[in-house]
Amino acid sequence: MPFGDHDVSPASEMPDPNQLYLNSAIWYFGYGSNIRSASMTKREITPLQAQAVVVPSYILTFDIFGIPCAEPAFASIATYQDIEETQQHTQVPPVHGVAYLLTRDDYRRLVLSEGSGVGYDEIQVEAFPIANTDYTPGKGIMVHTLKAKYPFRPNRAPSVRYMSLLIEGATENGLPESYIQYLKSLPTFSAGQSTWASLGSSLFLGFFARAVRVLAYSTKLVVNEKGHCPRLLGTVIVWFYWGMWTWHDYVHARLWGRGDGGIIHYGGLRLS
C-alpha cells in the first residue's frame, strides 16, 4: 500500500522502540477512519512510513459524541483498567490500527482535522507489529494517539458509513480477520425509513447539523501552533454537544424515535 514514495514497512523493520522522533517526525497511532490511506490523502497528509500494529492495553470504543440522526459516535480507545467486567462477557480484542510516521506539519494537520483538540486528548501508548506475539513492555514503539477528552458513556453506535470506513481500512492494512469480524459484529446506526422518522431527522439536522458546521469552521480560524483551538471555544462546543444530546434523548427520541442506533455493550464488558 504506497504512501507517496514510501511503502508499508514489514514488521521486521519497526523502528527502535526508544526512538519516538525521527528526523523531526512523529509516530502516530491511527485506529479509526484514518487507517484508510484514502482518508489520509483527503486530509493532505503523506505518511513517511506506515505499519499495521496492535496496542495490547487498550480496546476500541466509540466515546466521541457525534450528531444524532447522522453520525452518532466516533472512535476512541479505553484502557482495560478503565473497564469494569460484568459476570458474563466475551473477549474483546485489543485495538488494532496503523502506526504512521508523520512530519510535524502533517501531525498538526491531523490534530486540526480531528477537531482542533476539542474532543480528544493527546496521549502516548506502546504499539507492537501485528505479527508479534511478545507484548513485553519496552519492546514495542511509543506512539502518539488521540483519546476521548470527555468520554460519552454509554457508547452510542456509529453510523453504517463510519463503520464501513474502519472495516475498509482494516482490510486494506491486513489487520487480522478476527478483528475485522469483531468490527462487523458491532451495532451500527442507519436512518429510519419511515416518513415520520425521516421528518424528525430532517428537523433535527436542519438546526443542529448547521450549528455544528459553524462551530467546526470557527475552530479552524483560531488554532495555535499545535492545532488546538482556545479552551473557551472548546468548552462552548462541548456544552453545545451535551445540550444537543440531552434534547435528543429526552425530547426527540420520544417524539420521532432514536437517532443513535442504540447502545454498544462490548460483549458484556461495561465501560466504567
C-alpha atoms as a PDB file:
ATOM      1  CA  MET A   1       0.000   0.000   0.000  1.00  0.00           C
ATOM      2  CA  PRO A   2       2.016   3.002  -1.180  1.00  0.00           C
ATOM      3  CA  PHE A   3       2.133   6.333   0.617  1.00  0.00           C
ATOM      4  CA  GLY A   4       3.877   8.723  -1.752  1.00  0.00           C
ATOM      5  CA  ASP A   5       7.332   7.246  -2.287  1.00  0.00           C
ATOM      6  CA  HIS A   6       7.165   5.118   0.860  1.00  0.00           C
ATOM      7  CA  ASP A   7       5.707   1.658   1.318  1.00  0.00           C
ATOM      8  CA  VAL A   8       4.267  -0.017   4.372  1.00  0.00           C
ATOM      9  CA  SER A   9       7.140  -1.366   6.450  1.00  0.00           C
ATOM     10  CA  PRO A  10       7.238  -5.061   7.275  1.00  0.00           C
ATOM     11  CA  ALA A  11       7.163  -5.964  10.951  1.00  0.00           C
ATOM     12  CA  SER A  12      10.890  -6.679  10.937  1.00  0.00           C
ATOM     13  CA  GLU A  13      11.563  -3.039  10.053  1.00  0.00           C
ATOM     14  CA  MET A  14       9.765  -1.481  13.003  1.00  0.00           C
ATOM     15  CA  PRO A  15      11.981   1.336  14.301  1.00  0.00           C
ATOM     16  CA  ASP A  16      13.940   1.402  17.523  1.00  0.00           C
ATOM     17  CA  PRO A  17      11.265   1.500  20.274  1.00  0.00           C
ATOM     18  CA  ASN A  18      13.223   4.187  22.083  1.00  0.00           C
ATOM     19  CA  GLN A  19      13.160   6.482  19.040  1.00  0.00           C
ATOM     20  CA  LEU A  20       9.852   8.360  19.118  1.00  0.00           C
ATOM     21  CA  TYR A  21      11.060  11.171  16.892  1.00  0.00           C
ATOM     22  CA  LEU A  22      12.932  10.531  13.670  1.00  0.00           C
ATOM     23  CA  ASN A  23      14.262  13.450  11.641  1.00  0.00           C
ATOM     24  CA  SER A  24      11.711  15.798  13.254  1.00  0.00           C
ATOM     25  CA  ALA A  25       8.890  13.337  12.529  1.00  0.00           C
ATOM     26  CA  ILE A  26       6.358  11.867  14.962  1.00  0.00           C
ATOM     27  CA  TRP A  27       4.925   8.357  15.259  1.00  0.00           C
ATOM     28  CA  TYR A  28       1.120   8.461  15.395  1.00  0.00           C
ATOM     29  CA  PHE A  29      -1.286   5.560  16.000  1.00  0.00           C
ATOM     30  CA  GLY A  30      -4.487   5.661  13.958  1.00  0.00           C
ATOM     31  CA  TYR A  31      -7.380   3.333  14.789  1.00  0.00           C
ATOM     32  CA  GLY A  32     -10.497   4.973  13.322  1.00  0.00           C
ATOM     33  CA  SER A  33     -11.334   6.031   9.783  1.00  0.00           C
ATOM     34  CA  ASN A  34      -7.803   7.362   9.367  1.00  0.00           C
ATOM     35  CA  ILE A  35      -6.435   3.837   8.978  1.00  0.00           C
ATOM     36  CA  ARG A  36      -7.607   4.169   5.361  1.00  0.00           C
ATOM     37  CA  SER A  37      -4.940   5.579   3.065  1.00  0.00           C
ATOM     38  CA  ALA A  38      -7.691   7.496   1.241  1.00  0.00           C
ATOM     39  CA  SER A  39      -8.613   9.299   4.471  1.00  0.00           C
ATOM     40  CA  MET A  40      -5.033  10.472   4.958  1.00  0.00           C
ATOM     41  CA  THR A  41      -4.793  11.566   1.325  1.00  0.00           C
ATOM     42  CA  LYS A  42      -8.044  13.533   1.642  1.00  0.00           C
ATOM     43  CA  ARG A  43      -6.536  15.391   4.598  1.00  0.00           C
ATOM     44  CA  GLU A  44      -3.406  16.111   2.527  1.00  0.00           C
ATOM     45  CA  ILE A  45      -1.289  14.019   4.889  1.00  0.00           C
ATOM     46  CA  THR A  46       1.527  11.912   3.434  1.00  0.00           C
ATOM     47  CA  PRO A  47       2.955   9.404   5.946  1.00  0.00           C
ATOM     48  CA  LEU A  48       6.683   8.719   5.686  1.00  0.00           C
ATOM     49  CA  GLN A  49       6.081   5.176   6.908  1.00  0.00           C
ATOM     50  CA  ALA A  50       3.094   3.038   7.847  1.00  0.00           C
ATOM     51  CA  GLN A  51       2.936  -0.174   9.864  1.00  0.00           C
ATOM     52  CA  ALA A  52      -0.025  -2.311  10.975  1.00  0.00           C
ATOM     53  CA  VAL A  53       0.128  -2.577  14.768  1.00  0.00           C
ATOM     54  CA  VAL A  54      -1.772  -3.588  17.897  1.00  0.00           C
ATOM     55  CA  VAL A  55      -1.921  -1.779  21.261  1.00  0.00           C
ATOM     56  CA  PRO A  56      -2.494  -4.599  23.782  1.00  0.00           C
ATOM     57  CA  SER A  57      -3.517  -2.457  26.760  1.00  0.00           C
ATOM     58  CA  TYR A  58      -6.390  -0.637  25.009  1.00  0.00           C
ATOM     59  CA  ILE A  59      -9.663  -1.537  23.291  1.00  0.00           C
ATOM     60  CA  LEU A  60     -11.576   0.319  20.600  1.00  0.00           C
ATOM     61  CA  THR A  61     -14.529   2.339  21.906  1.00  0.00           C
ATOM     62  CA  PHE A  62     -16.941   4.890  20.476  1.00  0.00           C
ATOM     63  CA  ASP A  63     -16.552   7.520  23.188  1.00  0.00           C
ATOM     64  CA  ILE A  64     -16.663  10.595  20.955  1.00  0.00           C
ATOM     65  CA  PHE A  65     -20.114  12.117  20.645  1.00  0.00           C
ATOM     66  CA  GLY A  66     -21.241  12.902  17.124  1.00  0.00           C
ATOM     67  CA  ILE A  67     -24.549  14.140  15.737  1.00  0.00           C
ATOM     68  CA  PRO A  68     -27.722  12.098  16.337  1.00  0.00           C
ATOM     69  CA  CYS A  69     -29.621  11.069  13.193  1.00  0.00           C
ATOM     70  CA  ALA A  70     -26.438  11.301  11.111  1.00  0.00           C
ATOM     71  CA  GLU A  71     -23.120  10.316  12.731  1.00  0.00           C
ATOM     72  CA  PRO A  72     -23.912   9.434  16.359  1.00  0.00           C
ATOM     73  CA  ALA A  73     -20.437   8.376  17.509  1.00  0.00           C
ATOM     74  CA  PHE A  74     -16.784   8.275  16.535  1.00  0.00           C
ATOM     75  CA  ALA A  75     -13.914   6.054  17.600  1.00  0.00           C
ATOM     76  CA  SER A  76     -11.734   6.408  20.676  1.00  0.00           C
ATOM     77  CA  ILE A  77      -9.844   3.985  22.919  1.00  0.00           C
ATOM     78  CA  ALA A  78     -10.025   2.956  26.581  1.00  0.00           C
ATOM     79  CA  THR A  79      -7.597   1.007  28.735  1.00  0.00           C
ATOM     80  CA  TYR A  80      -8.539  -2.366  30.114  1.00  0.00           C
ATOM     81  CA  GLN A  81      -8.095  -0.769  33.546  1.00  0.00           C
ATOM     82  CA  ASP A  82     -10.945   1.615  32.637  1.00  0.00           C
ATOM     83  CA  ILE A  83     -13.315  -1.281  32.009  1.00  0.00           C
ATOM     84  CA  GLU A  84     -15.452  -2.974  34.657  1.00  0.00           C
ATOM     85  CA  GLU A  85     -16.253  -6.628  33.976  1.00  0.00           C
ATOM     86  CA  THR A  86     -19.759  -7.947  34.330  1.00  0.00           C
ATOM     87  CA  GLN A  87     -20.432 -11.515  35.415  1.00  0.00           C
ATOM     88  CA  GLN A  88     -20.606 -12.818  31.857  1.00  0.00           C
ATOM     89  CA  HIS A  89     -18.680 -11.443  28.927  1.00  0.00           C
ATOM     90  CA  THR A  90     -16.946 -12.405  25.740  1.00  0.00           C
ATOM     91  CA  GLN A  91     -13.375 -11.476  24.950  1.00  0.00           C
ATOM     92  CA  VAL A  92     -12.977  -8.033  23.410  1.00  0.00           C
ATOM     93  CA  PRO A  93      -9.814  -7.798  21.272  1.00  0.00           C
ATOM     94  CA  PRO A  94      -7.194  -5.110  21.848  1.00  0.00           C
ATOM     95  CA  VAL A  95      -7.350  -2.201  19.455  1.00  0.00           C
ATOM     96  CA  HIS A  96      -5.592  -2.659  16.117  1.00  0.00           C
ATOM     97  CA  GLY A  97      -4.621   0.064  13.685  1.00  0.00           C
ATOM     98  CA  VAL A  98      -1.761   1.698  11.834  1.00  0.00           C
ATOM     99  CA  ALA A  99       1.355   3.446  13.135  1.00  0.00           C
ATOM    100  CA  TYR A 100       2.173   6.360  10.848  1.00  0.00           C
ATOM    101  CA  LEU A 101       5.419   8.294  10.788  1.00  0.00           C
ATOM    102  CA  LEU A 102       4.364  11.897  10.156  1.00  0.00           C
ATOM    103  CA  THR A 103       6.180  15.167   9.747  1.00  0.00           C
ATOM    104  CA  ARG A 104       5.374  17.672  12.470  1.00  0.00           C
ATOM    105  CA  ASP A 105       3.381  19.750   9.999  1.00  0.00           C
ATOM    106  CA  ASP A 106       1.333  16.714   8.975  1.00  0.00           C
ATOM    107  CA  TYR A 107       0.782  15.772  12.616  1.00  0.00           C
ATOM    108  CA  ARG A 108      -0.536  19.275  13.321  1.00  0.00           C
ATOM    109  CA  ARG A 109      -2.783  18.993  10.259  1.00  0.00           C
ATOM    110  CA  LEU A 110      -4.108  15.679  11.568  1.00  0.00           C
ATOM    111  CA  VAL A 111      -4.913  17.120  15.015  1.00  0.00           C
ATOM    112  CA  LEU A 112      -6.684  20.013  13.314  1.00  0.00           C
ATOM    113  CA  SER A 113      -8.730  17.587  11.201  1.00  0.00           C
ATOM    114  CA  GLU A 114      -9.756  15.688  14.348  1.00  0.00           C
ATOM    115  CA  GLY A 115     -11.492  18.683  15.901  1.00  0.00           C
ATOM    116  CA  SER A 116      -8.663  21.013  16.910  1.00  0.00           C
ATOM    117  CA  GLY A 117      -8.212  19.391  20.313  1.00  0.00           C
ATOM    118  CA  VAL A 118     -11.848  19.875  21.390  1.00  0.00           C
ATOM    119  CA  GLY A 119     -12.860  16.229  21.814  1.00  0.00           C
ATOM    120  CA  TYR A 120      -9.534  14.425  22.113  1.00  0.00           C
ATOM    121  CA  ASP A 121      -6.542  14.396  24.442  1.00  0.00           C
ATOM    122  CA  GLU A 122      -3.134  13.542  23.018  1.00  0.00           C
ATOM    123  CA  ILE A 123      -1.508  10.592  24.785  1.00  0.00           C
ATOM    124  CA  GLN A 124       1.309   8.111  24.179  1.00  0.00           C
ATOM    125  CA  VAL A 125       0.845   4.338  24.014  1.00  0.00           C
ATOM    126  CA  GLU A 126       3.084   1.389  23.187  1.00  0.00           C
ATOM    127  CA  ALA A 127       2.334  -0.357  19.888  1.00  0.00           C
ATOM    128  CA  PHE A 128       3.560  -3.697  18.515  1.00  0.00           C
ATOM    129  CA  PRO A 129       3.594  -5.107  14.953  1.00  0.00           C
ATOM    130  CA  ILE A 130       0.548  -7.325  14.442  1.00  0.00           C
ATOM    131  CA  ALA A 131       2.827 -10.292  13.682  1.00  0.00           C
ATOM    132  CA  ASN A 132       4.311 -10.103  17.188  1.00  0.00           C
ATOM    133  CA  THR A 133       3.232 -12.393  19.993  1.00  0.00           C
ATOM    134  CA  ASP A 134       5.580 -10.906  22.585  1.00  0.00           C
ATOM    135  CA  TYR A 135       3.990  -7.817  24.122  1.00  0.00           C
ATOM    136  CA  THR A 136       6.625  -7.291  26.811  1.00  0.00           C
ATOM    137  CA  PRO A 137       6.621  -3.607  27.805  1.00  0.00           C
ATOM    138  CA  GLY A 138       9.572  -1.803  26.285  1.00  0.00           C
ATOM    139  CA  LYS A 139       9.790  -3.991  23.181  1.00  0.00           C
ATOM    140  CA  GLY A 140       7.287  -2.022  21.105  1.00  0.00           C
ATOM    141  CA  ILE A 141       7.361   1.562  19.910  1.00  0.00           C
ATOM    142  CA  MET A 142       5.890   4.553  21.704  1.00  0.00           C
ATOM    143  CA  VAL A 143       3.396   6.385  19.516  1.00  0.00           C
ATOM    144  CA  HIS A 144       1.199   9.443  19.873  1.00  0.00           C
ATOM    145  CA  THR A 145      -2.533   8.927  19.595  1.00  0.00           C
ATOM    146  CA  LEU A 146      -5.835  10.595  20.490  1.00  0.00           C
ATOM    147  CA  LYS A 147      -8.214   9.566  23.284  1.00  0.00           C
ATOM    148  CA  ALA A 148     -11.621  10.985  24.197  1.00  0.00           C
ATOM    149  CA  LYS A 149     -11.286  14.022  26.444  1.00  0.00           C
ATOM    150  CA  TYR A 150     -14.895  13.696  27.628  1.00  0.00           C
ATOM    151  CA  PRO A 151     -15.856  10.003  27.174  1.00  0.00           C
ATOM    152  CA  PHE A 152     -19.515   9.827  26.154  1.00  0.00           C
ATOM    153  CA  ARG A 153     -20.982   6.903  28.102  1.00  0.00           C
ATOM    154  CA  PRO A 154     -22.756   4.672  27.417  1.00  0.00           C
ATOM    155  CA  ASN A 155     -21.350   4.479  23.899  1.00  0.00           C
ATOM    156  CA  ARG A 156     -23.804   5.017  21.056  1.00  0.00           C
ATOM    157  CA  ALA A 157     -23.495   3.115  17.792  1.00  0.00           C
ATOM    158  CA  PRO A 158     -21.502   4.625  14.918  1.00  0.00           C
ATOM    159  CA  SER A 159     -23.145   5.045  11.540  1.00  0.00           C
ATOM    160  CA  VAL A 160     -23.028   2.309   8.924  1.00  0.00           C
ATOM    161  CA  ARG A 161     -20.967   4.700   6.791  1.00  0.00           C
ATOM    162  CA  TYR A 162     -18.373   5.322   9.503  1.00  0.00           C
ATOM    163  CA  MET A 163     -18.038   1.659  10.463  1.00  0.00           C
ATOM    164  CA  SER A 164     -17.580   0.728   6.808  1.00  0.00           C
ATOM    165  CA  LEU A 165     -14.564   3.049   6.708  1.00  0.00           C
ATOM    166  CA  LEU A 166     -12.988   1.240   9.672  1.00  0.00           C
ATOM    167  CA  ILE A 167     -13.623  -2.148   8.084  1.00  0.00           C
ATOM    168  CA  GLU A 168     -12.254  -0.970   4.745  1.00  0.00           C
ATOM    169  CA  GLY A 169      -9.106   0.373   6.408  1.00  0.00           C
ATOM    170  CA  ALA A 170      -8.629  -2.792   8.455  1.00  0.00           C
ATOM    171  CA  THR A 171      -8.882  -4.906   5.306  1.00  0.00           C
ATOM    172  CA  GLU A 172      -6.577  -2.611   3.351  1.00  0.00           C
ATOM    173  CA  ASN A 173      -3.864  -2.850   6.002  1.00  0.00           C
ATOM    174  CA  GLY A 174      -4.093  -6.597   6.530  1.00  0.00           C
ATOM    175  CA  LEU A 175      -5.393  -6.493  10.088  1.00  0.00           C
ATOM    176  CA  PRO A 176      -6.376  -9.923  11.481  1.00  0.00           C
ATOM    177  CA  GLU A 177      -9.595 -11.394  10.111  1.00  0.00           C
ATOM    178  CA  SER A 178     -10.783 -11.958  13.682  1.00  0.00           C
ATOM    179  CA  TYR A 179     -10.515  -8.214  14.340  1.00  0.00           C
ATOM    180  CA  ILE A 180     -12.373  -7.390  11.123  1.00  0.00           C
ATOM    181  CA  GLN A 181     -15.152  -9.802  12.091  1.00  0.00           C
ATOM    182  CA  TYR A 182     -15.301  -8.156  15.515  1.00  0.00           C
ATOM    183  CA  LEU A 183     -15.817  -4.755  13.862  1.00  0.00           C
ATOM    184  CA  LYS A 184     -18.578  -6.224  11.716  1.00  0.00           C
ATOM    185  CA  SER A 185     -20.288  -7.616  14.827  1.00  0.00           C
ATOM    186  CA  LEU A 186     -20.716  -4.198  16.472  1.00  0.00           C
ATOM    187  CA  PRO A 187     -24.095  -2.445  16.154  1.00  0.00           C
ATOM    188  CA  THR A 188     -24.415   0.471  13.748  1.00  0.00           C
ATOM    189  CA  PHE A 189     -26.868   3.279  13.095  1.00  0.00           C
ATOM    190  CA  SER A 190     -28.848   3.692   9.898  1.00  0.00           C
ATOM    191  CA  ALA A 191     -31.501   6.329   9.352  1.00  0.00           C
ATOM    192  CA  GLY A 192     -35.106   5.304   9.918  1.00  0.00           C
ATOM    193  CA  GLN A 193     -37.061   4.501   6.778  1.00  0.00           C
ATOM    194  CA  SER A 194     -40.491   5.665   7.940  1.00  0.00           C
ATOM    195  CA  THR A 195     -41.837   9.032   6.845  1.00  0.00           C
ATOM    196  CA  TRP A 196     -42.256  10.036  10.489  1.00  0.00           C
ATOM    197  CA  ALA A 197     -38.637   9.200  11.400  1.00  0.00           C
ATOM    198  CA  SER A 198     -37.315  10.925   8.265  1.00  0.00           C
ATOM    199  CA  LEU A 199     -39.289  14.065   9.064  1.00  0.00           C
ATOM    200  CA  GLY A 200     -37.937  14.097  12.614  1.00  0.00           C
ATOM    201  CA  SER A 201     -34.367  13.641  11.380  1.00  0.00           C
ATOM    202  CA  SER A 202     -34.749  16.477   8.875  1.00  0.00           C
ATOM    203  CA  LEU A 203     -35.996  18.854  11.560  1.00  0.00           C
ATOM    204  CA  PHE A 204     -33.266  17.815  13.991  1.00  0.00           C
ATOM    205  CA  LEU A 205     -30.424  18.105  11.489  1.00  0.00           C
ATOM    206  CA  GLY A 206     -31.828  21.279   9.972  1.00  0.00           C
ATOM    207  CA  PHE A 207     -30.843  23.096  13.147  1.00  0.00           C
ATOM    208  CA  PHE A 208     -28.157  21.076  14.919  1.00  0.00           C
ATOM    209  CA  ALA A 209     -26.065  19.964  11.927  1.00  0.00           C
ATOM    210  CA  ARG A 210     -25.847  23.522  10.644  1.00  0.00           C
ATOM    211  CA  ALA A 211     -24.819  24.801  14.057  1.00  0.00           C
ATOM    212  CA  VAL A 212     -22.128  22.120  14.337  1.00  0.00           C
ATOM    213  CA  ARG A 213     -20.710  23.101  10.938  1.00  0.00           C
ATOM    214  CA  VAL A 214     -20.431  26.729  12.060  1.00  0.00           C
ATOM    215  CA  LEU A 215     -18.687  25.728  15.297  1.00  0.00           C
ATOM    216  CA  ALA A 216     -16.323  23.359  13.488  1.00  0.00           C
ATOM    217  CA  TYR A 217     -15.394  26.063  10.999  1.00  0.00           C
ATOM    218  CA  SER A 218     -14.757  28.556  13.801  1.00  0.00           C
ATOM    219  CA  THR A 219     -12.165  26.273  15.430  1.00  0.00           C
ATOM    220  CA  LYS A 220     -10.035  26.289  12.285  1.00  0.00           C
ATOM    221  CA  LEU A 221      -9.790  30.081  12.351  1.00  0.00           C
ATOM    222  CA  VAL A 222      -8.167  30.369  15.772  1.00  0.00           C
ATOM    223  CA  VAL A 223      -5.930  27.310  16.264  1.00  0.00           C
ATOM    224  CA  ASN A 224      -2.467  27.582  17.797  1.00  0.00           C
ATOM    225  CA  GLU A 225       0.795  26.058  16.598  1.00  0.00           C
ATOM    226  CA  LYS A 226      -0.266  22.639  17.954  1.00  0.00           C
ATOM    227  CA  GLY A 227      -3.553  22.636  16.055  1.00  0.00           C
ATOM    228  CA  HIS A 228      -5.656  23.336  19.173  1.00  0.00           C
ATOM    229  CA  CYS A 229      -8.413  25.925  19.433  1.00  0.00           C
ATOM    230  CA  PRO A 230      -8.791  28.203  22.518  1.00  0.00           C
ATOM    231  CA  ARG A 231     -10.083  26.463  25.642  1.00  0.00           C
ATOM    232  CA  LEU A 232     -13.115  28.749  25.935  1.00  0.00           C
ATOM    233  CA  LEU A 233     -14.275  27.893  22.423  1.00  0.00           C
ATOM    234  CA  GLY A 234     -13.712  24.212  23.124  1.00  0.00           C
ATOM    235  CA  THR A 235     -15.845  24.461  26.259  1.00  0.00           C
ATOM    236  CA  VAL A 236     -18.661  26.168  24.334  1.00  0.00           C
ATOM    237  CA  ILE A 237     -18.605  23.376  21.739  1.00  0.00           C
ATOM    238  CA  VAL A 238     -18.654  20.625  24.367  1.00  0.00           C
ATOM    239  CA  TRP A 239     -21.617  22.195  26.140  1.00  0.00           C
ATOM    240  CA  PHE A 240     -23.423  22.570  22.816  1.00  0.00           C
ATOM    241  CA  TYR A 241     -22.967  18.854  22.141  1.00  0.00           C
ATOM    242  CA  TRP A 242     -24.240  17.915  25.600  1.00  0.00           C
ATOM    243  CA  GLY A 243     -27.287  20.117  25.046  1.00  0.00           C
ATOM    244  CA  MET A 244     -27.899  18.563  21.641  1.00  0.00           C
ATOM    245  CA  TRP A 245     -27.714  15.039  23.052  1.00  0.00           C
ATOM    246  CA  THR A 246     -29.941  15.939  26.001  1.00  0.00           C
ATOM    247  CA  TRP A 247     -32.548  17.219  23.549  1.00  0.00           C
ATOM    248  CA  HIS A 248     -32.213  14.023  21.517  1.00  0.00           C
ATOM    249  CA  ASP A 249     -32.525  11.653  24.482  1.00  0.00           C
ATOM    250  CA  TYR A 250     -35.382  13.357  26.301  1.00  0.00           C
ATOM    251  CA  VAL A 251     -37.351  15.062  23.538  1.00  0.00           C
ATOM    252  CA  HIS A 252     -36.522  13.924  20.013  1.00  0.00           C
ATOM    253  CA  ALA A 253     -36.281  10.192  20.783  1.00  0.00           C
ATOM    254  CA  ARG A 254     -39.690  10.208  22.468  1.00  0.00           C
ATOM    255  CA  LEU A 255     -41.378  12.012  19.592  1.00  0.00           C
ATOM    256  CA  TRP A 256     -39.613  10.743  16.484  1.00  0.00           C
ATOM    257  CA  GLY A 257     -37.645   7.685  17.564  1.00  0.00           C
ATOM    258  CA  ARG A 258     -33.995   7.188  18.464  1.00  0.00           C
ATOM    259  CA  GLY A 259     -31.318   8.594  16.210  1.00  0.00           C
ATOM    260  CA  ASP A 260     -28.322   6.882  17.774  1.00  0.00           C
ATOM    261  CA  GLY A 261     -28.517   3.197  16.831  1.00  0.00           C
ATOM    262  CA  GLY A 262     -28.722   2.057  20.449  1.00  0.00           C
ATOM    263  CA  ILE A 263     -26.011   1.200  22.966  1.00  0.00           C
ATOM    264  CA  ILE A 264     -22.803  -0.788  22.369  1.00  0.00           C
ATOM    265  CA  HIS A 265     -22.231  -3.440  25.048  1.00  0.00           C
ATOM    266  CA  TYR A 266     -18.763  -4.712  24.017  1.00  0.00           C
ATOM    267  CA  GLY A 267     -19.525  -8.373  24.514  1.00  0.00           C
ATOM    268  CA  GLY A 268     -20.564  -7.938  28.141  1.00  0.00           C
ATOM    269  CA  LEU A 269     -17.785  -5.572  29.205  1.00  0.00           C
ATOM    270  CA  ARG A 270     -19.104  -2.391  30.732  1.00  0.00           C
ATOM    271  CA  LEU A 271     -17.203   0.862  30.404  1.00  0.00           C
ATOM    272  CA  SER A 272     -16.751   2.405  33.827  1.00  0.00           C
END
